[in-house]
C-alpha atoms as a PDB file:
ATOM      1  CA  MET A   1      -9.325 -79.309  -9.604  1.00  0.00           C
ATOM      2  CA  THR A   2      -8.183 -78.592 -13.148  1.00  0.00           C
ATOM      3  CA  ASN A   3      -4.946 -77.047 -14.416  1.00  0.00           C
ATOM      4  CA  LEU A   4      -4.635 -75.175 -17.703  1.00  0.00           C
ATOM      5  CA  SER A   5      -1.863 -73.208 -19.412  1.00  0.00           C
ATOM      6  CA  LEU A   6      -3.283 -70.341 -21.444  1.00  0.00           C
ATOM      7  CA  SER A   7      -1.919 -67.538 -23.552  1.00  0.00           C
ATOM      8  CA  LEU A   8      -3.204 -64.063 -22.769  1.00  0.00           C
ATOM      9  CA  ALA A   9      -5.582 -64.301 -25.746  1.00  0.00           C
ATOM     10  CA  GLU A  10      -6.892 -67.672 -24.522  1.00  0.00           C
ATOM     11  CA  LEU A  11      -7.418 -66.306 -20.985  1.00  0.00           C
ATOM     12  CA  GLN A  12      -9.401 -63.407 -22.431  1.00  0.00           C
ATOM     13  CA  ALA A  13     -11.404 -65.744 -24.678  1.00  0.00           C
ATOM     14  CA  LEU A  14     -12.235 -67.888 -21.645  1.00  0.00           C
ATOM     15  CA  GLY A  15     -13.468 -64.841 -19.735  1.00  0.00           C
ATOM     16  CA  ARG A  16     -15.601 -63.677 -22.662  1.00  0.00           C
ATOM     17  CA  GLN A  17     -17.058 -67.176 -23.081  1.00  0.00           C
ATOM     18  CA  TRP A  18     -17.961 -67.441 -19.405  1.00  0.00           C
ATOM     19  CA  GLY A  19     -19.639 -64.030 -19.576  1.00  0.00           C
ATOM     20  CA  THR A  20     -22.090 -65.349 -22.156  1.00  0.00           C
ATOM     21  CA  TRP A  21     -23.497 -68.076 -19.930  1.00  0.00           C
ATOM     22  CA  LEU A  22     -22.522 -67.893 -16.216  1.00  0.00           C
ATOM     23  CA  PRO A  23     -25.738 -67.668 -14.189  1.00  0.00           C
ATOM     24  CA  PRO A  24     -26.599 -64.991 -11.639  1.00  0.00           C
ATOM     25  CA  GLY A  25     -25.360 -65.992  -8.201  1.00  0.00           C
ATOM     26  CA  THR A  26     -21.995 -67.246  -9.470  1.00  0.00           C
ATOM     27  CA  VAL A  27     -19.061 -66.253  -7.281  1.00  0.00           C
ATOM     28  CA  LEU A  28     -15.559 -66.197  -8.760  1.00  0.00           C
ATOM     29  CA  LEU A  29     -12.608 -66.002  -6.384  1.00  0.00           C
ATOM     30  CA  LEU A  30      -9.565 -64.796  -8.337  1.00  0.00           C
ATOM     31  CA  ALA A  31      -6.241 -65.423  -6.609  1.00  0.00           C
ATOM     32  CA  GLY A  32      -2.714 -64.709  -7.802  1.00  0.00           C
ATOM     33  CA  GLU A  33       0.096 -62.233  -7.493  1.00  0.00           C
ATOM     34  CA  LEU A  34       0.037 -58.723  -8.937  1.00  0.00           C
ATOM     35  CA  GLY A  35       0.027 -58.941 -12.719  1.00  0.00           C
ATOM     36  CA  ALA A  36      -1.187 -62.556 -12.828  1.00  0.00           C
ATOM     37  CA  GLY A  37      -4.231 -61.701 -14.979  1.00  0.00           C
ATOM     38  CA  LYS A  38      -7.068 -61.358 -12.465  1.00  0.00           C
ATOM     39  CA  THR A  39      -8.330 -58.002 -13.728  1.00  0.00           C
ATOM     40  CA  THR A  40      -7.681 -59.033 -17.333  1.00  0.00           C
ATOM     41  CA  PHE A  41      -9.982 -62.005 -16.819  1.00  0.00           C
ATOM     42  CA  VAL A  42     -12.706 -59.826 -15.248  1.00  0.00           C
ATOM     43  CA  GLN A  43     -12.445 -57.333 -18.118  1.00  0.00           C
ATOM     44  CA  ALA A  44     -13.003 -60.149 -20.624  1.00  0.00           C
ATOM     45  CA  LEU A  45     -15.851 -61.508 -18.488  1.00  0.00           C
ATOM     46  CA  GLY A  46     -17.446 -58.065 -18.691  1.00  0.00           C
ATOM     47  CA  GLU A  47     -17.131 -58.104 -22.470  1.00  0.00           C
ATOM     48  CA  GLY A  48     -18.937 -61.454 -22.529  1.00  0.00           C
ATOM     49  CA  LEU A  49     -21.659 -59.949 -20.336  1.00  0.00           C
ATOM     50  CA  ASN A  50     -22.037 -57.091 -22.858  1.00  0.00           C
ATOM     51  CA  ILE A  51     -20.883 -54.475 -20.366  1.00  0.00           C
ATOM     52  CA  GLU A  52     -19.836 -51.386 -22.283  1.00  0.00           C
ATOM     53  CA  ASP A  53     -18.188 -49.521 -19.386  1.00  0.00           C
ATOM     54  CA  VAL A  54     -14.426 -49.800 -19.076  1.00  0.00           C
ATOM     55  CA  ILE A  55     -13.668 -52.287 -16.315  1.00  0.00           C
ATOM     56  CA  GLN A  56     -10.676 -51.341 -14.211  1.00  0.00           C
ATOM     57  CA  SER A  57      -9.359 -52.802 -11.018  1.00  0.00           C
ATOM     58  CA  PRO A  58     -11.393 -51.267  -8.184  1.00  0.00           C
ATOM     59  CA  THR A  59      -8.298 -51.020  -5.955  1.00  0.00           C
ATOM     60  CA  PHE A  60      -9.318 -47.678  -4.511  1.00  0.00           C
ATOM     61  CA  THR A  61     -13.101 -47.909  -4.890  1.00  0.00           C
ATOM     62  CA  LEU A  62     -13.074 -51.508  -3.536  1.00  0.00           C
ATOM     63  CA  ILE A  63     -16.311 -52.554  -5.288  1.00  0.00           C
ATOM     64  CA  GLN A  64     -17.451 -51.675  -8.782  1.00  0.00           C
ATOM     65  CA  GLU A  65     -21.018 -52.488  -9.788  1.00  0.00           C
ATOM     66  CA  TYR A  66     -21.921 -52.931 -13.452  1.00  0.00           C
ATOM     67  CA  SER A  67     -25.651 -53.376 -13.943  1.00  0.00           C
ATOM     68  CA  GLU A  68     -26.093 -52.830 -17.680  1.00  0.00           C
ATOM     69  CA  GLY A  69     -24.929 -56.250 -18.915  1.00  0.00           C
ATOM     70  CA  ARG A  70     -26.706 -59.560 -19.417  1.00  0.00           C
ATOM     71  CA  VAL A  71     -26.569 -59.948 -15.623  1.00  0.00           C
ATOM     72  CA  PRO A  72     -25.002 -57.574 -13.089  1.00  0.00           C
ATOM     73  CA  LEU A  73     -21.284 -57.851 -12.387  1.00  0.00           C
ATOM     74  CA  TYR A  74     -19.910 -57.000  -8.958  1.00  0.00           C
ATOM     75  CA  HIS A  75     -16.123 -56.623  -9.033  1.00  0.00           C
ATOM     76  CA  PHE A  76     -14.263 -56.539  -5.720  1.00  0.00           C
ATOM     77  CA  ASP A  77     -10.571 -55.778  -5.159  1.00  0.00           C
ATOM     78  CA  LEU A  78      -9.617 -56.562  -1.570  1.00  0.00           C
ATOM     79  CA  TYR A  79      -5.854 -56.041  -1.978  1.00  0.00           C
ATOM     80  CA  ARG A  80      -5.549 -53.080   0.397  1.00  0.00           C
ATOM     81  CA  LEU A  81      -7.892 -54.416   3.087  1.00  0.00           C
ATOM     82  CA  THR A  82      -7.609 -56.519   6.212  1.00  0.00           C
ATOM     83  CA  PRO A  83     -10.188 -59.239   6.868  1.00  0.00           C
ATOM     84  CA  ALA A  84     -11.850 -56.980   9.459  1.00  0.00           C
ATOM     85  CA  GLU A  85     -12.179 -54.174   6.893  1.00  0.00           C
ATOM     86  CA  VAL A  86     -13.599 -56.632   4.370  1.00  0.00           C
ATOM     87  CA  ALA A  87     -16.156 -57.829   6.932  1.00  0.00           C
ATOM     88  CA  ALA A  88     -17.330 -54.217   7.321  1.00  0.00           C
ATOM     89  CA  LEU A  89     -18.185 -54.184   3.587  1.00  0.00           C
ATOM     90  CA  ALA A  90     -20.588 -57.115   4.162  1.00  0.00           C
ATOM     91  CA  PRO A  91     -19.602 -58.892   0.918  1.00  0.00           C
ATOM     92  CA  GLU A  92     -22.040 -61.722   1.659  1.00  0.00           C
ATOM     93  CA  ARG A  93     -24.868 -59.357   0.614  1.00  0.00           C
ATOM     94  CA  TYR A  94     -23.609 -59.770  -2.943  1.00  0.00           C
ATOM     95  CA  TRP A  95     -23.544 -63.554  -3.065  1.00  0.00           C
ATOM     96  CA  LEU A  96     -26.691 -64.097  -1.012  1.00  0.00           C
ATOM     97  CA  GLY A  97     -28.693 -61.961  -3.445  1.00  0.00           C
ATOM     98  CA  GLU A  98     -31.146 -60.882  -0.760  1.00  0.00           C
ATOM     99  CA  GLU A  99     -30.451 -57.140  -0.597  1.00  0.00           C
ATOM    100  CA  ILE A 100     -28.692 -56.799  -3.938  1.00  0.00           C
ATOM    101  CA  GLU A 101     -29.836 -58.100  -7.320  1.00  0.00           C
ATOM    102  CA  PRO A 102     -28.172 -61.460  -8.006  1.00  0.00           C
ATOM    103  CA  GLY A 103     -25.306 -61.235 -10.455  1.00  0.00           C
ATOM    104  CA  ILE A 104     -21.797 -62.513 -10.965  1.00  0.00           C
ATOM    105  CA  VAL A 105     -19.486 -61.657  -8.082  1.00  0.00           C
ATOM    106  CA  ALA A 106     -15.789 -61.500  -9.017  1.00  0.00           C
ATOM    107  CA  ILE A 107     -13.476 -61.091  -6.021  1.00  0.00           C
ATOM    108  CA  GLU A 108      -9.775 -60.364  -6.438  1.00  0.00           C
ATOM    109  CA  TRP A 109      -7.560 -61.190  -3.433  1.00  0.00           C
ATOM    110  CA  PRO A 110     -10.092 -63.569  -1.808  1.00  0.00           C
ATOM    111  CA  ASP A 111      -7.606 -64.495   0.933  1.00  0.00           C
ATOM    112  CA  ARG A 112      -8.800 -61.293   2.662  1.00  0.00           C
ATOM    113  CA  LEU A 113     -12.369 -62.627   2.988  1.00  0.00           C
ATOM    114  CA  PRO A 114     -13.194 -63.421   6.623  1.00  0.00           C
ATOM    115  CA  ILE A 115     -15.809 -65.951   5.442  1.00  0.00           C
ATOM    116  CA  LEU A 116     -16.144 -67.746   2.144  1.00  0.00           C
ATOM    117  CA  PRO A 117     -19.364 -68.109   0.201  1.00  0.00           C
ATOM    118  CA  PRO A 118     -20.966 -71.573   0.346  1.00  0.00           C
ATOM    119  CA  ALA A 119     -20.395 -72.081  -3.396  1.00  0.00           C
ATOM    120  CA  TYR A 120     -17.754 -70.606  -5.693  1.00  0.00           C
ATOM    121  CA  LEU A 121     -15.294 -71.121  -8.510  1.00  0.00           C
ATOM    122  CA  ARG A 122     -11.720 -70.420  -7.445  1.00  0.00           C
ATOM    123  CA  LEU A 123      -9.305 -69.334 -10.151  1.00  0.00           C
ATOM    124  CA  GLN A 124      -5.656 -69.406  -9.103  1.00  0.00           C
ATOM    125  CA  LEU A 125      -3.636 -67.541 -11.736  1.00  0.00           C
ATOM    126  CA  GLN A 126       0.125 -67.582 -12.085  1.00  0.00           C
ATOM    127  CA  ARG A 127       1.861 -65.666 -14.864  1.00  0.00           C
ATOM    128  CA  GLN A 128       5.012 -67.203 -16.324  1.00  0.00           C
ATOM    129  CA  GLN A 129       6.662 -65.612 -19.350  1.00  0.00           C
ATOM    130  CA  ASP A 130       4.089 -65.718 -22.150  1.00  0.00           C
ATOM    131  CA  CYS A 131       1.423 -67.901 -20.519  1.00  0.00           C
ATOM    132  CA  THR A 132      -0.874 -67.981 -17.537  1.00  0.00           C
ATOM    133  CA  HIS A 133      -1.209 -71.113 -15.465  1.00  0.00           C
ATOM    134  CA  LEU A 134      -4.784 -71.399 -14.274  1.00  0.00           C
ATOM    135  CA  THR A 135      -5.912 -73.775 -11.565  1.00  0.00           C
ATOM    136  CA  LEU A 136      -9.693 -73.996 -11.419  1.00  0.00           C
ATOM    137  CA  GLU A 137     -11.550 -75.435  -8.454  1.00  0.00           C
ATOM    138  CA  ALA A 138     -15.297 -75.619  -7.855  1.00  0.00           C
ATOM    139  CA  VAL A 139     -16.677 -75.674  -4.313  1.00  0.00           C
ATOM    140  CA  GLY A 140     -20.180 -76.459  -3.088  1.00  0.00           C
ATOM    141  CA  ALA A 141     -23.080 -76.090  -5.477  1.00  0.00           C
ATOM    142  CA  ALA A 142     -20.749 -74.499  -8.050  1.00  0.00           C
ATOM    143  CA  THR A 143     -19.397 -77.948  -8.944  1.00  0.00           C
ATOM    144  CA  TRP A 144     -22.092 -78.322 -11.627  1.00  0.00           C
ATOM    145  CA  LEU A 145     -20.499 -75.361 -13.453  1.00  0.00           C
ATOM    146  CA  LEU A 146     -17.092 -76.979 -13.816  1.00  0.00           C
ATOM    147  CA  PRO A 147     -17.739 -79.177 -16.891  1.00  0.00           C
ATOM    148  CA  ARG A 148     -19.165 -76.228 -18.801  1.00  0.00           C
ATOM    149  CA  CYS A 149     -16.332 -73.941 -17.658  1.00  0.00           C
ATOM    150  CA  LEU A 150     -13.849 -76.319 -19.250  1.00  0.00           C
ATOM    151  CA  ASN A 151     -15.700 -76.647 -22.536  1.00  0.00           C
ATOM    152  CA  LEU A 152     -13.151 -74.441 -24.293  1.00  0.00           C
END
């Protein structure tokens, strides 16, 4: 587990950097209160993936799919859902890559997931005044990504 304190510009730069190299099949679990920077990070990630569409929080659409970038981006916002409602969406289809083209899966409010993927990067964001405290944890096969993620 790694802790970083980042300005908004540094958080965005980190997202853009990750978008240039994260491999298909990467799952990002983005946790934090409202306004912590989860969507901001995903927007920057999309820029790094060369996605030209405007990325907004999919609070009401639940899942936004962006297929025109370097690899597809699947952006989930589970804020308004219960774990049972999330299960009905079958989110595992996105990280298993069997029915849906493998891409980067970014899930906001992952505490609503009834099951976790076998491998993921968890980003815990906490906004305090003019910086974001980021705690980064790699689980399962995603641990090999951690050194590169921290190569700021």
